[in-house]
N, C-alpha and C. Protein backbone atom coordinates (compact mmCIF):
# COMPACT_ATOMS: atom_id res chain seq x y z
N MET A 1 23.18 -8.49 11.64
CA MET A 1 22.11 -9.36 12.10
C MET A 1 22.63 -10.52 11.60
N ALA A 2 22.35 -11.69 12.44
CA ALA A 2 22.38 -12.90 12.00
C ALA A 2 21.44 -13.27 10.69
N SER A 3 21.76 -14.26 10.07
CA SER A 3 21.03 -14.92 8.88
C SER A 3 19.71 -14.88 9.17
N GLY A 4 19.71 -16.18 10.15
CA GLY A 4 18.35 -16.75 10.46
C GLY A 4 17.55 -15.49 11.25
N THR A 5 18.22 -14.21 11.86
CA THR A 5 17.54 -13.38 12.45
C THR A 5 16.61 -12.43 11.28
N SER A 6 17.58 -12.57 10.26
CA SER A 6 17.07 -11.66 9.06
C SER A 6 15.91 -12.41 8.28
N LYS A 7 15.98 -13.78 8.33
CA LYS A 7 15.10 -14.26 7.60
C LYS A 7 13.84 -14.45 8.25
N SER A 8 13.86 -15.00 9.47
CA SER A 8 12.48 -15.15 10.15
C SER A 8 11.74 -13.54 10.59
N THR A 9 12.66 -12.47 10.57
CA THR A 9 12.04 -10.87 10.41
C THR A 9 11.17 -10.72 9.20
N ALA A 10 12.23 -11.02 8.21
CA ALA A 10 11.55 -10.52 6.97
C ALA A 10 10.12 -11.45 6.58
N PHE A 11 10.66 -12.83 6.96
CA PHE A 11 9.02 -13.59 6.59
C PHE A 11 7.75 -13.29 7.74
N ILE A 12 8.23 -12.99 8.71
CA ILE A 12 6.91 -12.48 9.62
C ILE A 12 6.41 -11.00 8.96
N LEU A 13 7.57 -10.43 8.74
CA LEU A 13 6.79 -8.94 8.15
C LEU A 13 6.17 -9.23 6.88
N LEU A 14 6.46 -9.74 6.09
CA LEU A 14 5.73 -10.30 5.02
C LEU A 14 4.84 -11.11 5.03
N ILE A 15 4.22 -11.86 5.85
CA ILE A 15 3.29 -12.56 6.13
C ILE A 15 2.25 -11.63 6.72
N LEU A 16 2.74 -10.41 7.73
CA LEU A 16 1.89 -9.28 8.19
C LEU A 16 1.41 -8.30 7.08
N ASN A 17 2.33 -8.20 6.04
CA ASN A 17 2.07 -7.23 4.89
C ASN A 17 1.00 -8.03 3.78
N VAL A 18 1.09 -8.97 3.93
CA VAL A 18 -0.08 -9.75 2.86
C VAL A 18 -1.34 -9.38 3.66
N PHE A 19 -1.45 -9.81 4.95
CA PHE A 19 -2.96 -9.51 5.41
C PHE A 19 -3.16 -7.96 5.42
N LEU A 20 -1.94 -7.10 5.75
CA LEU A 20 -2.77 -5.64 5.71
C LEU A 20 -2.89 -4.93 4.39
N TYR A 21 -2.36 -5.34 3.22
CA TYR A 21 -2.50 -5.06 2.33
C TYR A 21 -3.95 -5.56 1.18
N GLY A 22 -4.10 -6.81 2.18
CA GLY A 22 -5.28 -7.48 1.72
C GLY A 22 -6.69 -6.58 2.26
N ILE A 23 -6.26 -6.15 3.64
CA ILE A 23 -7.28 -5.30 3.99
C ILE A 23 -7.36 -4.14 2.88
N VAL A 24 -6.43 -3.18 2.67
CA VAL A 24 -6.32 -2.00 2.02
C VAL A 24 -7.02 -2.39 0.81
N ILE A 25 -6.83 -3.39 -0.17
CA ILE A 25 -7.49 -3.79 -1.18
C ILE A 25 -8.68 -3.77 -1.10
N ILE A 26 -9.52 -4.64 -0.13
CA ILE A 26 -10.69 -4.50 0.40
C ILE A 26 -11.43 -3.36 0.70
N LEU A 27 -10.84 -2.29 1.40
CA LEU A 27 -11.23 -0.93 1.74
C LEU A 27 -11.34 -0.18 0.52
N ALA A 28 -10.09 0.00 0.02
CA ALA A 28 -10.34 0.69 -1.49
C ALA A 28 -11.26 0.40 -2.44
N SER A 29 -11.15 -0.81 -2.77
CA SER A 29 -12.49 -1.34 -3.75
C SER A 29 -13.68 -1.13 -3.08
N TRP A 30 -14.04 -1.20 -1.67
CA TRP A 30 -15.58 -0.78 -1.52
C TRP A 30 -15.32 0.64 -1.72
N ALA A 31 -14.38 1.60 -1.38
CA ALA A 31 -14.49 2.92 -1.73
C ALA A 31 -14.87 3.36 -3.20
N VAL A 32 -14.08 2.36 -4.12
CA VAL A 32 -14.19 2.40 -5.40
C VAL A 32 -15.68 2.56 -5.89
N ASN A 33 -15.89 1.12 -5.30
CA ASN A 33 -17.51 0.77 -5.92
C ASN A 33 -18.47 1.76 -5.04
N HIS A 34 -18.31 2.02 -3.92
CA HIS A 34 -19.21 3.18 -3.40
C HIS A 34 -19.19 4.43 -4.25
N GLY A 35 -18.09 5.34 -4.75
CA GLY A 35 -18.17 6.32 -5.29
C GLY A 35 -18.54 5.97 -7.04
N ILE A 36 -18.76 4.71 -7.65
CA ILE A 36 -19.14 4.61 -8.86
C ILE A 36 -20.56 4.39 -8.59
N GLU A 37 -21.29 3.98 -7.56
CA GLU A 37 -22.79 3.85 -7.47
C GLU A 37 -23.47 5.31 -7.29
N ARG A 38 -22.40 5.89 -6.54
CA ARG A 38 -23.48 7.35 -5.69
C ARG A 38 -22.90 8.43 -6.64
N SER A 39 -21.86 8.33 -7.32
CA SER A 39 -21.17 9.48 -8.42
C SER A 39 -22.10 10.19 -8.91
N HIS A 40 -22.91 9.56 -9.93
CA HIS A 40 -24.24 9.92 -10.62
C HIS A 40 -24.89 11.13 -10.14
N GLU A 41 -25.45 10.70 -8.95
CA GLU A 41 -26.73 11.48 -8.47
C GLU A 41 -26.03 12.32 -7.64
N THR A 42 -24.59 12.08 -7.28
CA THR A 42 -24.51 13.71 -6.34
C THR A 42 -23.56 14.44 -7.08
N ALA A 43 -22.79 13.68 -8.30
CA ALA A 43 -22.30 14.67 -9.15
C ALA A 43 -22.94 15.73 -10.01
N SER A 44 -24.30 15.12 -10.54
CA SER A 44 -25.20 15.87 -11.06
C SER A 44 -25.75 16.96 -10.66
N VAL A 45 -25.34 17.60 -9.46
CA VAL A 45 -25.93 19.13 -9.16
C VAL A 45 -24.49 19.94 -8.83
N LEU A 46 -23.69 19.34 -9.06
CA LEU A 46 -22.05 20.51 -9.21
C LEU A 46 -21.99 21.14 -10.89
N PRO A 47 -21.61 22.15 -9.99
CA PRO A 47 -21.21 23.07 -11.68
C PRO A 47 -20.18 22.15 -12.43
N ILE A 48 -20.09 22.60 -13.95
CA ILE A 48 -19.62 22.05 -14.97
C ILE A 48 -18.41 21.42 -14.70
N PRO A 49 -17.12 22.45 -14.00
CA PRO A 49 -15.82 21.79 -14.02
C PRO A 49 -15.95 20.30 -12.96
N ALA A 50 -16.30 20.17 -12.09
CA ALA A 50 -16.47 19.42 -10.84
C ALA A 50 -17.04 18.12 -11.49
N ARG A 51 -18.17 18.25 -12.42
CA ARG A 51 -18.85 17.33 -12.61
C ARG A 51 -18.51 16.31 -13.81
N ILE A 52 -17.54 17.03 -14.82
CA ILE A 52 -16.85 16.38 -15.68
C ILE A 52 -15.40 15.67 -15.15
N PHE A 53 -15.17 15.89 -13.71
CA PHE A 53 -13.72 15.44 -13.40
C PHE A 53 -13.93 13.95 -12.69
N PRO A 54 -13.04 13.13 -13.31
CA PRO A 54 -13.32 11.93 -13.82
C PRO A 54 -13.35 11.05 -12.21
N ILE A 55 -12.34 11.60 -11.37
CA ILE A 55 -12.14 10.99 -10.22
C ILE A 55 -12.92 11.70 -9.11
N TYR A 56 -14.24 11.85 -8.97
CA TYR A 56 -15.18 12.41 -8.14
C TYR A 56 -15.59 11.63 -7.22
N PHE A 57 -15.49 11.56 -6.05
CA PHE A 57 -16.14 10.73 -4.81
C PHE A 57 -17.09 11.42 -4.13
N PRO A 58 -18.35 11.04 -3.53
CA PRO A 58 -19.05 11.36 -3.08
C PRO A 58 -18.79 11.12 -1.25
N LEU A 59 -17.87 10.64 -1.00
CA LEU A 59 -17.36 10.55 0.23
C LEU A 59 -16.15 11.36 0.64
N GLY A 60 -16.02 11.67 1.77
CA GLY A 60 -14.22 12.40 1.80
C GLY A 60 -14.28 13.93 1.33
N ASN A 61 -13.28 13.96 0.89
CA ASN A 61 -12.92 15.51 0.41
C ASN A 61 -12.28 15.55 -0.87
N MET A 62 -11.81 16.74 -1.32
CA MET A 62 -11.70 16.19 -3.07
C MET A 62 -10.25 15.65 -3.11
N ALA A 63 -9.41 15.41 -1.96
CA ALA A 63 -8.32 14.50 -2.22
C ALA A 63 -8.81 13.06 -2.25
N THR A 64 -9.89 12.62 -1.96
CA THR A 64 -10.18 10.84 -1.95
C THR A 64 -10.33 10.34 -3.10
N GLY A 65 -10.57 11.01 -4.42
CA GLY A 65 -10.43 10.32 -5.31
C GLY A 65 -9.18 9.89 -5.84
N VAL A 66 -8.09 10.26 -5.59
CA VAL A 66 -6.75 10.49 -6.34
C VAL A 66 -6.34 9.44 -5.34
N PHE A 67 -6.25 9.63 -3.73
CA PHE A 67 -6.23 9.03 -2.84
C PHE A 67 -6.54 7.41 -2.76
N ILE A 68 -7.73 7.25 -3.12
CA ILE A 68 -8.37 5.80 -3.38
C ILE A 68 -7.58 5.10 -4.58
N ILE A 69 -7.57 5.63 -5.76
CA ILE A 69 -6.83 5.25 -6.66
C ILE A 69 -5.80 4.82 -6.57
N PHE A 70 -4.60 5.78 -5.85
CA PHE A 70 -3.29 5.06 -5.31
C PHE A 70 -3.42 4.42 -4.36
N SER A 71 -4.29 4.19 -3.72
CA SER A 71 -4.25 3.12 -2.48
C SER A 71 -4.68 1.53 -2.94
N LEU A 72 -5.51 1.72 -4.05
CA LEU A 72 -5.92 0.04 -4.81
C LEU A 72 -4.83 -0.14 -5.79
N ILE A 73 -4.10 1.05 -6.25
CA ILE A 73 -2.61 0.27 -6.88
C ILE A 73 -1.76 -0.04 -5.99
N ALA A 74 -1.53 0.53 -4.71
CA ALA A 74 -0.35 0.13 -3.73
C ALA A 74 -0.59 -1.08 -3.44
N GLY A 75 -2.44 -1.53 -3.15
CA GLY A 75 -2.47 -2.42 -2.15
C GLY A 75 -2.37 -3.75 -3.23
N VAL A 76 -2.59 -3.85 -4.47
CA VAL A 76 -2.40 -4.60 -5.46
C VAL A 76 -0.96 -5.19 -5.73
N VAL A 77 -0.39 -4.08 -5.89
CA VAL A 77 0.83 -4.31 -6.30
C VAL A 77 1.71 -5.17 -4.86
N GLY A 78 1.25 -4.11 -3.61
CA GLY A 78 1.98 -4.81 -2.32
C GLY A 78 1.73 -6.11 -1.82
N PHE A 79 0.35 -6.58 -1.95
CA PHE A 79 -0.03 -7.81 -1.73
C PHE A 79 0.89 -8.73 -2.66
N THR A 80 0.76 -8.53 -3.98
CA THR A 80 1.58 -9.38 -5.15
C THR A 80 2.90 -9.61 -5.00
N THR A 81 3.64 -8.58 -4.55
CA THR A 81 5.02 -8.59 -4.31
C THR A 81 5.21 -9.01 -2.74
N SER A 82 4.40 -9.26 -1.92
CA SER A 82 4.55 -9.89 -0.65
C SER A 82 4.56 -11.28 -1.00
N ILE A 83 3.63 -11.65 -1.78
CA ILE A 83 3.45 -13.04 -1.87
C ILE A 83 4.55 -13.62 -2.19
N ILE A 84 5.25 -12.99 -3.41
CA ILE A 84 6.33 -13.47 -4.22
C ILE A 84 7.39 -13.25 -3.54
N CYS A 85 7.75 -12.48 -2.59
CA CYS A 85 8.94 -12.01 -1.56
C CYS A 85 8.94 -13.12 -0.61
N ILE A 86 7.52 -13.68 -0.35
CA ILE A 86 7.60 -14.86 0.59
C ILE A 86 8.41 -16.12 0.03
N ASN A 87 7.94 -16.61 -1.08
CA ASN A 87 8.64 -17.62 -1.92
C ASN A 87 10.31 -17.05 -1.88
N ASN A 88 10.76 -16.05 -2.27
CA ASN A 88 11.77 -15.62 -2.35
C ASN A 88 12.81 -15.60 -1.25
N VAL A 89 12.09 -15.19 -0.26
CA VAL A 89 12.58 -15.53 1.22
C VAL A 89 12.84 -16.79 1.48
N ILE A 90 12.20 -17.68 1.19
CA ILE A 90 11.82 -19.05 1.86
C ILE A 90 13.14 -19.60 1.02
N GLN A 91 13.34 -19.83 -0.06
CA GLN A 91 14.18 -19.98 -0.88
C GLN A 91 15.99 -19.53 -0.20
N TRP A 92 15.77 -18.12 0.23
CA TRP A 92 16.88 -17.42 0.89
C TRP A 92 18.45 -17.63 0.23
N ASN A 93 18.75 -17.49 -1.23
CA ASN A 93 19.62 -17.16 -1.82
C ASN A 93 20.00 -16.05 -2.39
N VAL A 94 21.08 -15.81 -3.01
CA VAL A 94 21.37 -14.18 -3.25
C VAL A 94 20.73 -13.86 -4.32
N PRO A 95 20.18 -14.78 -5.81
CA PRO A 95 19.36 -13.85 -6.69
C PRO A 95 18.05 -14.00 -6.37
N ASN A 96 17.64 -14.81 -5.44
CA ASN A 96 16.18 -14.64 -5.27
C ASN A 96 16.09 -13.30 -3.96
N LEU A 97 16.79 -13.25 -3.15
CA LEU A 97 16.95 -12.30 -2.18
C LEU A 97 16.88 -10.90 -3.27
N GLN A 98 17.91 -10.79 -3.95
CA GLN A 98 18.10 -9.64 -5.04
C GLN A 98 16.52 -9.03 -5.71
N ALA A 99 15.86 -10.11 -6.21
CA ALA A 99 14.50 -9.97 -6.73
C ALA A 99 13.80 -9.87 -5.74
N ALA A 100 13.55 -10.28 -4.41
CA ALA A 100 12.82 -9.67 -3.35
C ALA A 100 12.95 -8.32 -2.98
N ALA A 101 14.23 -8.12 -2.70
CA ALA A 101 14.52 -6.54 -2.35
C ALA A 101 14.22 -5.55 -3.38
N SER A 102 14.06 -5.82 -4.76
CA SER A 102 14.10 -4.99 -5.77
C SER A 102 12.57 -4.55 -5.84
N SER A 103 11.69 -5.61 -5.67
CA SER A 103 10.36 -5.91 -5.62
C SER A 103 9.68 -5.29 -4.43
N SER A 104 10.14 -5.58 -3.26
CA SER A 104 9.87 -4.85 -1.65
C SER A 104 10.08 -3.49 -1.92
N LEU A 105 11.32 -2.79 -2.46
CA LEU A 105 11.65 -1.52 -2.73
C LEU A 105 10.34 -0.52 -3.59
N ALA A 106 10.05 -1.32 -4.70
CA ALA A 106 8.83 -0.46 -5.61
C ALA A 106 7.59 -0.70 -4.99
N SER A 107 7.37 -1.48 -4.22
CA SER A 107 6.14 -1.59 -3.26
C SER A 107 6.00 -0.82 -2.25
N TRP A 108 7.30 -0.35 -1.87
CA TRP A 108 7.43 0.41 -0.88
C TRP A 108 7.22 2.06 -1.19
N ALA A 109 7.77 2.35 -2.27
CA ALA A 109 7.63 3.69 -3.07
C ALA A 109 6.19 3.59 -3.31
N LEU A 110 5.72 2.85 -3.81
CA LEU A 110 3.80 2.87 -4.05
C LEU A 110 3.22 3.07 -2.78
N THR A 111 3.66 2.40 -2.02
CA THR A 111 3.08 2.67 -0.48
C THR A 111 3.40 3.77 -0.04
N LEU A 112 4.39 4.68 -0.06
CA LEU A 112 4.94 6.03 0.08
C LEU A 112 3.93 6.90 -0.33
N LEU A 113 3.90 6.83 -1.69
CA LEU A 113 3.19 7.64 -2.33
C LEU A 113 1.46 7.74 -1.93
N ALA A 114 1.08 6.40 -1.63
CA ALA A 114 -0.25 6.32 -1.24
C ALA A 114 -0.46 7.15 -0.20
N MET A 115 0.75 6.67 1.04
CA MET A 115 0.53 7.65 2.10
C MET A 115 0.72 8.79 2.34
N GLY A 116 1.43 9.27 1.50
CA GLY A 116 1.70 10.63 1.12
C GLY A 116 0.21 11.61 0.99
N LEU A 117 -0.48 10.73 -0.38
CA LEU A 117 -1.91 11.30 -0.36
C LEU A 117 -2.68 10.97 0.94
N ALA A 118 -2.51 10.26 1.70
CA ALA A 118 -3.50 10.07 2.91
C ALA A 118 -3.11 10.94 3.90
N CYS A 119 -1.86 11.34 4.05
CA CYS A 119 -1.37 12.82 4.79
C CYS A 119 -2.43 13.63 4.47
N LYS A 120 -2.15 13.88 2.83
CA LYS A 120 -2.85 15.14 2.49
C LYS A 120 -4.40 15.37 2.70
N GLU A 121 -5.07 14.02 2.60
CA GLU A 121 -6.36 13.95 2.68
C GLU A 121 -6.62 14.33 4.34
N ILE A 122 -5.92 13.63 5.17
CA ILE A 122 -6.16 14.18 6.73
C ILE A 122 -5.64 15.45 6.61
N ASP A 123 -4.76 16.16 6.34
CA ASP A 123 -4.87 17.74 6.43
C ASP A 123 -5.79 18.49 5.90
N ILE A 124 -6.29 18.06 4.73
CA ILE A 124 -7.81 18.91 4.24
C ILE A 124 -8.61 18.89 5.02
N GLY A 125 -9.24 17.67 5.40
CA GLY A 125 -10.41 17.75 6.54
C GLY A 125 -10.89 16.50 6.63
N TRP A 126 -12.30 16.43 6.85
CA TRP A 126 -13.26 15.20 7.56
C TRP A 126 -12.98 14.46 6.61
N THR A 127 -13.04 13.21 7.00
CA THR A 127 -13.29 12.04 6.25
C THR A 127 -13.84 10.99 7.08
N GLU A 128 -14.81 10.18 6.43
CA GLU A 128 -15.70 9.13 6.96
C GLU A 128 -14.72 8.24 7.65
N SER A 129 -15.00 6.89 8.49
CA SER A 129 -14.51 5.91 9.12
C SER A 129 -13.68 4.86 8.24
N ASN A 130 -14.07 4.80 7.32
CA ASN A 130 -13.71 3.53 6.40
C ASN A 130 -12.42 3.97 5.61
N LEU A 131 -12.68 5.61 5.15
CA LEU A 131 -11.20 6.32 4.75
C LEU A 131 -10.30 6.31 6.14
N ARG A 132 -10.75 6.51 6.95
CA ARG A 132 -9.76 7.24 8.06
C ARG A 132 -9.21 5.74 8.29
N THR A 133 -9.84 4.43 8.48
CA THR A 133 -8.90 3.01 8.55
C THR A 133 -8.14 2.90 7.41
N LEU A 134 -8.59 3.39 6.23
CA LEU A 134 -7.50 2.94 5.37
C LEU A 134 -6.34 3.79 5.30
N GLU A 135 -6.66 5.25 5.57
CA GLU A 135 -5.37 6.00 5.86
C GLU A 135 -4.37 5.46 7.02
N THR A 136 -5.23 4.86 7.93
CA THR A 136 -4.14 4.41 8.97
C THR A 136 -3.53 3.23 8.50
N LEU A 137 -4.19 2.38 7.84
CA LEU A 137 -3.29 1.14 7.35
C LEU A 137 -2.17 1.49 6.46
N LEU A 138 -2.17 2.57 5.79
CA LEU A 138 -1.59 2.81 4.54
C LEU A 138 0.05 3.23 5.60
N ILE A 139 -0.38 4.06 6.33
CA ILE A 139 0.74 4.29 7.59
C ILE A 139 1.73 3.60 8.13
N ILE A 140 0.78 2.73 8.64
CA ILE A 140 1.64 1.61 9.09
C ILE A 140 1.93 0.66 8.20
N LEU A 141 1.37 0.40 6.92
CA LEU A 141 2.20 -0.05 6.05
C LEU A 141 3.35 0.21 5.50
N SER A 142 3.13 1.53 5.23
CA SER A 142 4.52 2.37 4.91
C SER A 142 5.74 1.72 5.84
N GLY A 143 5.47 1.80 7.08
CA GLY A 143 6.57 1.49 8.05
C GLY A 143 7.15 -0.18 8.17
N THR A 144 6.05 -1.24 8.18
CA THR A 144 6.41 -2.53 7.86
C THR A 144 7.12 -2.68 6.72
N GLN A 145 6.51 -2.31 5.20
CA GLN A 145 7.36 -2.28 4.35
C GLN A 145 8.94 -1.83 4.25
N LEU A 146 9.11 -1.01 4.81
CA LEU A 146 10.33 -0.78 4.85
C LEU A 146 11.16 -1.22 6.15
N PHE A 147 11.03 -1.90 7.03
CA PHE A 147 11.38 -2.88 8.03
C PHE A 147 11.71 -4.09 7.39
N CYS A 148 10.88 -4.65 6.34
CA CYS A 148 10.73 -5.61 5.48
C CYS A 148 11.88 -5.43 4.62
N ALA A 149 11.86 -4.28 4.11
CA ALA A 149 13.07 -4.10 2.77
C ALA A 149 14.23 -4.29 3.69
N VAL A 150 14.53 -3.46 4.94
CA VAL A 150 15.79 -3.73 5.57
C VAL A 150 16.23 -4.84 5.80
N ALA A 151 15.20 -5.75 6.07
CA ALA A 151 15.84 -7.31 6.69
C ALA A 151 16.28 -7.96 5.46
N ILE A 152 15.65 -7.79 4.16
CA ILE A 152 15.87 -8.51 3.10
C ILE A 152 17.52 -8.22 2.52
N HIS A 153 17.52 -6.84 2.68
CA HIS A 153 18.86 -6.17 2.23
C HIS A 153 20.08 -6.73 3.53
N ALA A 154 19.63 -6.78 4.68
CA ALA A 154 20.49 -7.40 5.42
C ALA A 154 21.05 -8.84 5.21
N GLY A 155 19.95 -9.58 4.63
CA GLY A 155 20.14 -10.83 4.42
C GLY A 155 21.18 -10.81 2.98
N ILE A 156 21.07 -10.15 2.25
CA ILE A 156 21.64 -9.78 0.98
C ILE A 156 23.38 -9.15 1.47
N GLU A 157 23.19 -8.65 2.57
CA GLU A 157 24.81 -8.03 3.03
C GLU A 157 25.15 -9.44 3.77
N ASN A 158 24.75 -10.05 4.60
CA ASN A 158 25.38 -11.16 4.91
C ASN A 158 25.83 -12.12 4.07
N PHE A 159 25.26 -12.61 3.07
CA PHE A 159 26.04 -13.47 1.79
C PHE A 159 27.09 -12.57 1.52
N VAL A 160 27.05 -11.42 1.07
CA VAL A 160 28.02 -10.65 0.45
C VAL A 160 29.04 -10.52 1.49
N ALA A 161 28.82 -10.61 2.72
CA ALA A 161 30.04 -10.78 4.01
C ALA A 161 30.68 -12.39 3.81
N ARG A 162 30.07 -13.26 3.51
CA ARG A 162 30.77 -14.56 3.63
C ARG A 162 31.39 -14.54 2.57
């Protein structure tokens, strides 16, 4: 892969990831807010172990609480990483590319964790449309973040080959 192709690919994927991670943050924040507002009235009728469980959400299924928390963490880390990596890719030198590569791998790992929880939630059963949108976005983001990390690593390999 040529240097210009790798740079433009990484830049476009990072811009796409900024927007997708922003949507993930919005949806996960809405779900946390909705869960906080409605959990008291819904959890008050549950038996004791479920009532004291700190991550109970009145929407979705029993995997929703953990999924939402990790989606919010992955969204914030991925959004921040993508913005920082845009600056590093624009400069396009070895130290900045290595920093971008390591941070993109870290956010990809968190996105994979959230995607695994999304797959578990899909496996368990029915969820609302907002949660299905969040699940779909995390599955898409795991792929785009992987391609972005590969493009950044290809840029590093191009510098090493010179």
